[in-house]
Amino acid sequence: MKNNSKYLGLVTKKFNEFFLVDLNKEYFGISERFLCKVRKSINFKDQFIYVGDEVEIDNVDLRSKRALITSLKKRKNLLIRPSVANISNIYIIFSVEEPELNLSQVNRFLIAAESMEVEVSLVLTKCDLISDQKINLLIDRFGKWGYQTITLNLQKTEYFKNLLVELKQKKCSIFMGPSGVGKTTLLNMIIPSLQKNTAPVSHKIKRGKNTTRNVELFSISNQSYIVDTPGFNMQPLDVDIRLLPNLFPEIYKQVIDEGIHCKFRNCLHLNDEGCNLNKSFERYSFYKEMIESSKNQYYQNQED
């Protein structure tokens, strides 16, 4: 039995030319999932549809659970790799050991996440492998970076109950981080029925084996979703040099919360005349490297 009414749904998985689209229970009394294709007569002007996109569907067949996508709603943001749309929260996941915590890599992930202009959180896993003293030092260190760190022992479920409560209050959260840090294990704890495969860290290459193959979005409450993605390394960040200060909490909190004003509005906080920024924070050297790298890339592009 087909229904020609139009419904607004959420793309939760994409494979080949097919999409899984979820409709919430406001339409049929229960949440429904449909296997969809794009209507052939529709032209999205060379736009692609991604997991996390809101789409309109019709020609709904309640028996076979099939439908057709007829329009794509304007998205709030798009993460390119892996491709996910309309993210509300990013949780950067890193282990403190096995694999060992890499601060430079943490920096890159945090800056890339901040460029999405969403709420960013830092989660440290496998905290049972180091001492409480080391954990407290890391919490204090990342606190100075501007992040209230969540610490987890994935062997004890009580450690992540507060995180689960928090996730259910968000709209669409994504776990990001390199392979082997416990993202899939954590997802299995959040959704026990999922039981995705996990793999140990390779002792030879000292990094995790990628067990997640596809990007997929899972419901954890009526209006809350979480995205599972393959492990990956961040690509080089391509951000307008003028926006880089906004990606560092240590900088924008001084400007916004403390009301620090430099002489020039477009101050890059290097050796700029009239710069009043307090530069005595740990990541300032990393910030300077990013500015110089962006400048070099800009001049190179001008020459090309």
Protein backbone atom coordinates (compact mmCIF):
# COMPACT_ATOMS: atom_id res chain seq x y z
CA MET A 1 0.00 0.00 0.00
CA LYS A 2 1.55 3.28 -1.15
CA ASN A 3 1.07 6.67 0.43
CA ASN A 4 1.67 9.75 -1.73
CA SER A 5 1.93 12.19 1.19
CA LYS A 6 5.28 13.93 1.76
CA TYR A 7 7.32 13.27 4.90
CA LEU A 8 10.48 14.79 6.35
CA GLY A 9 13.10 12.19 7.23
CA LEU A 10 16.73 11.78 8.24
CA VAL A 11 19.33 9.88 6.20
CA THR A 12 20.96 7.36 8.54
CA LYS A 13 22.96 5.29 6.08
CA LYS A 14 24.11 5.50 2.47
CA PHE A 15 25.28 2.70 0.20
CA ASN A 16 25.62 2.83 -3.57
CA GLU A 17 22.46 4.54 -4.86
CA PHE A 18 20.34 3.62 -1.85
CA PHE A 19 19.66 5.48 1.40
CA LEU A 20 18.13 4.46 4.70
CA VAL A 21 15.80 7.24 5.84
CA ASP A 22 14.26 7.39 9.33
CA LEU A 23 10.90 9.00 10.05
CA ASN A 24 10.09 9.76 13.66
CA LYS A 25 6.91 8.50 15.33
CA GLU A 26 4.93 11.70 14.76
CA TYR A 27 3.86 10.32 11.37
CA PHE A 28 2.83 6.71 12.01
CA GLY A 29 2.87 6.42 15.79
CA ILE A 30 6.17 4.54 15.75
CA SER A 31 9.58 5.29 14.26
CA GLU A 32 9.91 3.88 10.76
CA ARG A 33 12.90 3.30 8.47
CA PHE A 34 12.62 3.25 4.69
CA LEU A 35 14.94 2.10 1.92
CA CYS A 36 14.98 4.99 -0.54
CA LYS A 37 16.27 6.04 -3.93
CA VAL A 38 16.26 9.53 -5.39
CA ARG A 39 13.38 10.18 -7.77
CA LYS A 40 14.85 10.13 -11.29
CA SER A 41 13.18 13.39 -12.28
CA ILE A 42 14.82 15.28 -9.38
CA ASN A 43 17.97 17.33 -10.02
CA PHE A 44 19.80 18.48 -6.88
CA LYS A 45 22.13 20.68 -8.96
CA ASP A 46 25.14 18.37 -8.58
CA GLN A 47 24.66 18.14 -4.80
CA PHE A 48 25.22 14.82 -3.08
CA ILE A 49 23.12 13.41 -0.26
CA TYR A 50 25.02 12.45 2.88
CA VAL A 51 24.34 10.67 6.14
CA GLY A 52 22.76 13.25 8.46
CA ASP A 53 20.92 15.11 5.70
CA GLU A 54 17.25 15.93 6.09
CA VAL A 55 15.26 14.89 3.04
CA GLU A 56 11.66 14.88 1.95
CA ILE A 57 10.23 11.56 0.77
CA ASP A 58 7.00 10.45 -0.85
CA ASN A 59 5.63 7.40 -2.66
CA VAL A 60 5.92 5.66 0.71
CA ASP A 61 5.16 1.93 0.71
CA LEU A 62 4.44 0.90 4.30
CA ARG A 63 4.51 -2.80 3.47
CA SER A 64 7.87 -3.01 1.69
CA LYS A 65 9.31 -0.03 3.62
CA ARG A 66 10.41 1.71 0.42
CA ALA A 67 10.08 5.32 -0.68
CA LEU A 68 11.51 7.99 -2.99
CA ILE A 69 13.57 11.04 -2.02
CA THR A 70 12.11 14.16 -3.63
CA SER A 71 14.02 17.05 -2.04
CA LEU A 72 17.09 17.85 0.03
CA LYS A 73 16.78 20.36 2.87
CA LYS A 74 19.45 23.01 3.42
CA ARG A 75 22.13 21.60 5.71
CA LYS A 76 23.75 23.44 8.64
CA ASN A 77 27.23 21.99 8.09
CA LEU A 78 29.09 19.22 6.33
CA LEU A 79 32.08 17.23 7.51
CA ILE A 80 33.97 16.24 4.38
CA ARG A 81 35.92 13.22 5.62
CA PRO A 82 34.11 11.17 6.68
CA SER A 83 31.07 12.72 5.00
CA VAL A 84 28.40 13.57 7.57
CA ALA A 85 25.91 16.45 7.51
CA ASN A 86 24.20 18.50 10.24
CA ILE A 87 26.47 17.64 13.15
CA SER A 88 25.55 19.37 16.44
CA ASN A 89 28.34 18.00 18.67
CA ILE A 90 31.79 16.54 18.08
CA TYR A 91 33.45 14.28 20.63
CA ILE A 92 37.18 13.93 20.01
CA ILE A 93 38.18 10.47 21.29
CA PHE A 94 41.77 9.61 22.21
CA SER A 95 43.27 6.88 24.36
CA VAL A 96 45.91 7.68 26.96
CA GLU A 97 47.76 4.44 26.14
CA GLU A 98 47.62 1.67 23.51
CA PRO A 99 47.92 3.70 21.34
CA GLU A 100 49.86 6.33 23.29
CA LEU A 101 48.41 9.84 23.49
CA ASN A 102 49.80 12.07 20.73
CA LEU A 103 49.35 15.74 21.67
CA SER A 104 50.13 17.01 18.18
CA GLN A 105 47.43 14.75 16.77
CA VAL A 106 44.98 15.86 19.49
CA ASN A 107 45.69 19.46 18.47
CA ARG A 108 44.88 18.79 14.82
CA PHE A 109 41.63 17.01 15.63
CA LEU A 110 40.49 19.77 18.01
CA ILE A 111 41.23 22.57 15.54
CA ALA A 112 39.50 20.73 12.71
CA ALA A 113 36.48 20.14 14.95
CA GLU A 114 36.35 23.80 16.01
CA SER A 115 36.24 24.81 12.33
CA MET A 116 32.82 23.11 12.12
CA GLU A 117 31.41 25.75 14.50
CA VAL A 118 29.74 23.18 16.76
CA GLU A 119 30.22 22.21 20.40
CA VAL A 120 33.50 20.28 20.82
CA SER A 121 34.31 17.88 23.68
CA LEU A 122 37.44 15.86 24.45
CA VAL A 123 37.18 12.26 25.70
CA LEU A 124 40.13 10.23 27.01
CA THR A 125 39.72 6.44 27.06
CA LYS A 126 41.65 3.55 28.64
CA CYS A 127 42.33 5.67 31.71
CA ASP A 128 42.76 2.50 33.77
CA LEU A 129 46.15 2.07 32.05
CA ILE A 130 47.74 5.12 33.73
CA SER A 131 47.87 6.46 37.28
CA ASP A 132 45.32 8.85 38.78
CA GLN A 133 48.11 11.42 39.06
CA LYS A 134 48.75 11.32 35.30
CA ILE A 135 45.01 11.53 34.61
CA ASN A 136 44.71 14.64 36.79
CA LEU A 137 47.68 16.23 35.02
CA LEU A 138 46.02 15.64 31.65
CA ILE A 139 42.69 17.04 32.89
CA ASP A 140 44.48 20.15 34.12
CA ARG A 141 46.46 20.50 30.89
CA PHE A 142 43.46 20.22 28.57
CA GLY A 143 41.49 22.47 30.90
CA LYS A 144 44.04 25.20 30.16
CA TRP A 145 43.46 24.53 26.47
CA GLY A 146 39.79 25.30 27.07
CA TYR A 147 38.34 21.78 27.23
CA GLN A 148 36.61 20.05 30.12
CA THR A 149 37.92 16.52 29.59
CA ILE A 150 35.78 13.41 29.98
CA THR A 151 37.84 10.45 31.25
CA LEU A 152 36.68 6.86 30.71
CA ASN A 153 37.60 3.35 31.73
CA LEU A 154 35.90 1.26 29.04
CA GLN A 155 36.04 -1.83 31.27
CA LYS A 156 33.63 -0.25 33.77
CA THR A 157 30.20 0.79 32.49
CA GLU A 158 29.56 3.24 35.33
CA TYR A 159 32.29 5.50 33.95
CA PHE A 160 30.27 6.46 30.91
CA LYS A 161 26.77 6.86 32.38
CA ASN A 162 27.12 10.65 32.60
CA LEU A 163 28.34 10.73 29.00
CA LEU A 164 25.31 8.72 27.90
CA VAL A 165 22.94 11.13 29.65
CA GLU A 166 24.74 14.03 27.93
CA LEU A 167 24.55 12.41 24.48
CA LYS A 168 20.79 11.91 24.80
CA GLN A 169 20.42 15.67 25.21
CA LYS A 170 22.23 16.42 21.94
CA LYS A 171 20.75 16.30 18.46
CA CYS A 172 23.44 14.62 16.38
CA SER A 173 26.81 13.75 17.91
CA ILE A 174 29.84 12.24 16.24
CA PHE A 175 32.82 10.41 17.69
CA MET A 176 36.04 11.38 15.92
CA GLY A 177 39.52 10.08 16.47
CA PRO A 178 42.18 7.70 15.15
CA SER A 179 41.70 3.94 15.00
CA GLY A 180 42.20 1.85 18.11
CA VAL A 181 41.22 4.44 20.73
CA GLY A 182 37.96 2.72 21.67
CA LYS A 183 35.30 4.48 19.60
CA THR A 184 33.59 1.23 18.58
CA THR A 185 33.85 -0.23 22.09
CA LEU A 186 32.25 2.93 23.45
CA LEU A 187 29.50 2.76 20.84
CA ASN A 188 28.77 -0.85 21.81
CA MET A 189 28.39 0.27 25.42
CA ILE A 190 26.00 3.06 24.43
CA ILE A 191 23.96 0.77 22.15
CA PRO A 192 24.31 -2.78 23.60
CA SER A 193 22.24 -4.35 20.81
CA LEU A 194 24.69 -3.11 18.18
CA GLN A 195 27.72 -5.23 19.10
CA LYS A 196 29.97 -4.07 16.28
CA ASN A 197 33.27 -5.87 15.86
CA THR A 198 36.36 -4.51 17.59
CA ALA A 199 40.04 -5.32 17.04
CA PRO A 200 43.10 -4.96 19.29
CA VAL A 201 45.84 -2.43 18.68
CA SER A 202 48.57 -3.80 16.41
CA HIS A 203 51.79 -4.33 18.38
CA LYS A 204 53.77 -4.05 15.16
CA ILE A 205 52.52 -0.68 13.91
CA LYS A 206 51.41 0.63 17.34
CA ARG A 207 48.02 1.80 16.15
CA GLY A 208 44.49 0.49 15.98
CA LYS A 209 42.96 -1.63 13.27
CA ASN A 210 39.98 -0.07 11.57
CA THR A 211 36.84 -2.15 12.27
CA THR A 212 34.19 0.35 11.15
CA ARG A 213 33.67 0.36 7.37
CA ASN A 214 30.70 2.64 6.76
CA VAL A 215 29.35 5.90 8.11
CA GLU A 216 26.09 5.25 9.92
CA LEU A 217 23.79 7.16 12.24
CA PHE A 218 22.14 5.47 15.24
CA SER A 219 19.22 6.62 17.37
CA ILE A 220 19.91 6.79 21.12
CA SER A 221 16.71 8.61 22.14
CA ASN A 222 13.63 10.07 20.47
CA GLN A 223 15.45 13.09 19.00
CA SER A 224 19.11 12.17 19.53
CA TYR A 225 21.49 10.39 17.20
CA ILE A 226 25.11 9.34 17.23
CA VAL A 227 27.32 8.75 14.20
CA ASP A 228 29.75 5.87 13.88
CA THR A 229 32.62 6.46 11.46
CA PRO A 230 35.74 4.60 10.33
CA GLY A 231 38.92 5.65 12.14
CA PHE A 232 40.88 8.22 10.16
CA ASN A 233 43.59 10.84 10.35
CA MET A 234 42.63 14.47 9.89
CA GLN A 235 43.39 16.00 6.52
CA PRO A 236 45.34 19.29 6.26
CA LEU A 237 43.10 22.06 7.54
CA ASP A 238 42.09 24.61 4.94
CA VAL A 239 40.80 27.62 6.89
CA ASP A 240 40.87 31.33 6.16
CA ILE A 241 43.86 32.70 8.09
CA ARG A 242 41.66 35.43 9.59
CA LEU A 243 39.46 32.78 11.21
CA LEU A 244 42.25 30.81 12.90
CA PRO A 245 42.10 32.82 16.19
CA ASN A 246 38.47 31.72 16.52
CA LEU A 247 39.51 28.05 16.60
CA PHE A 248 41.53 28.39 19.81
CA PRO A 249 39.49 28.67 23.06
CA GLU A 250 42.55 30.25 24.73
CA ILE A 251 42.29 33.16 22.30
CA TYR A 252 38.59 33.71 21.77
CA LYS A 253 37.84 33.44 25.50
CA GLN A 254 40.28 36.28 26.16
CA VAL A 255 38.58 38.36 23.50
CA ILE A 256 34.98 37.51 24.41
CA ASP A 257 35.01 36.71 28.15
CA GLU A 258 37.79 39.04 29.26
CA GLY A 259 37.07 41.79 26.74
CA ILE A 260 40.63 42.10 25.49
CA HIS A 261 40.84 44.44 22.50
CA CYS A 262 43.77 44.77 20.12
CA LYS A 263 44.45 47.95 18.18
CA PHE A 264 43.34 46.40 14.90
CA ARG A 265 40.25 44.28 14.41
CA ASN A 266 42.05 41.85 12.09
CA CYS A 267 44.96 41.30 14.49
CA LEU A 268 46.53 37.84 14.04
CA HIS A 269 48.18 38.02 17.49
CA LEU A 270 51.74 37.55 16.28
CA ASN A 271 53.92 40.64 16.28
CA ASP A 272 51.04 42.88 15.30
CA GLU A 273 51.14 46.48 16.46
CA GLY A 274 48.85 47.08 19.42
CA CYS A 275 48.24 43.37 20.12
CA ASN A 276 47.06 42.96 23.73
CA LEU A 277 46.62 39.18 23.77
CA ASN A 278 48.23 37.28 26.63
CA LYS A 279 50.37 34.80 24.71
CA SER A 280 51.56 32.74 27.68
CA PHE A 281 49.43 29.70 26.90
CA GLU A 282 50.86 26.30 25.92
CA ARG A 283 49.43 26.08 22.43
CA TYR A 284 50.60 29.51 21.31
CA SER A 285 53.60 27.96 19.49
CA PHE A 286 51.22 25.61 17.70
CA TYR A 287 49.01 28.59 16.81
CA LYS A 288 51.99 30.49 15.36
CA GLU A 289 52.95 27.46 13.26
CA MET A 290 49.44 27.29 11.85
CA ILE A 291 49.45 31.00 10.99
CA GLU A 292 52.82 30.77 9.24
CA SER A 293 51.77 27.63 7.39
CA SER A 294 48.56 29.32 6.22
CA LYS A 295 50.53 32.37 5.08
CA ASN A 296 52.94 30.22 3.07
CA GLN A 297 50.07 28.33 1.48
CA TYR A 298 48.36 31.62 0.59
CA TYR A 299 51.46 33.05 -1.13
CA GLN A 300 52.06 29.76 -2.92
CA ASN A 301 48.52 29.79 -4.30
CA GLN A 302 49.00 33.39 -5.47
CA GLU A 303 52.14 32.38 -7.38
CA ASP A 304 50.36 29.43 -8.97
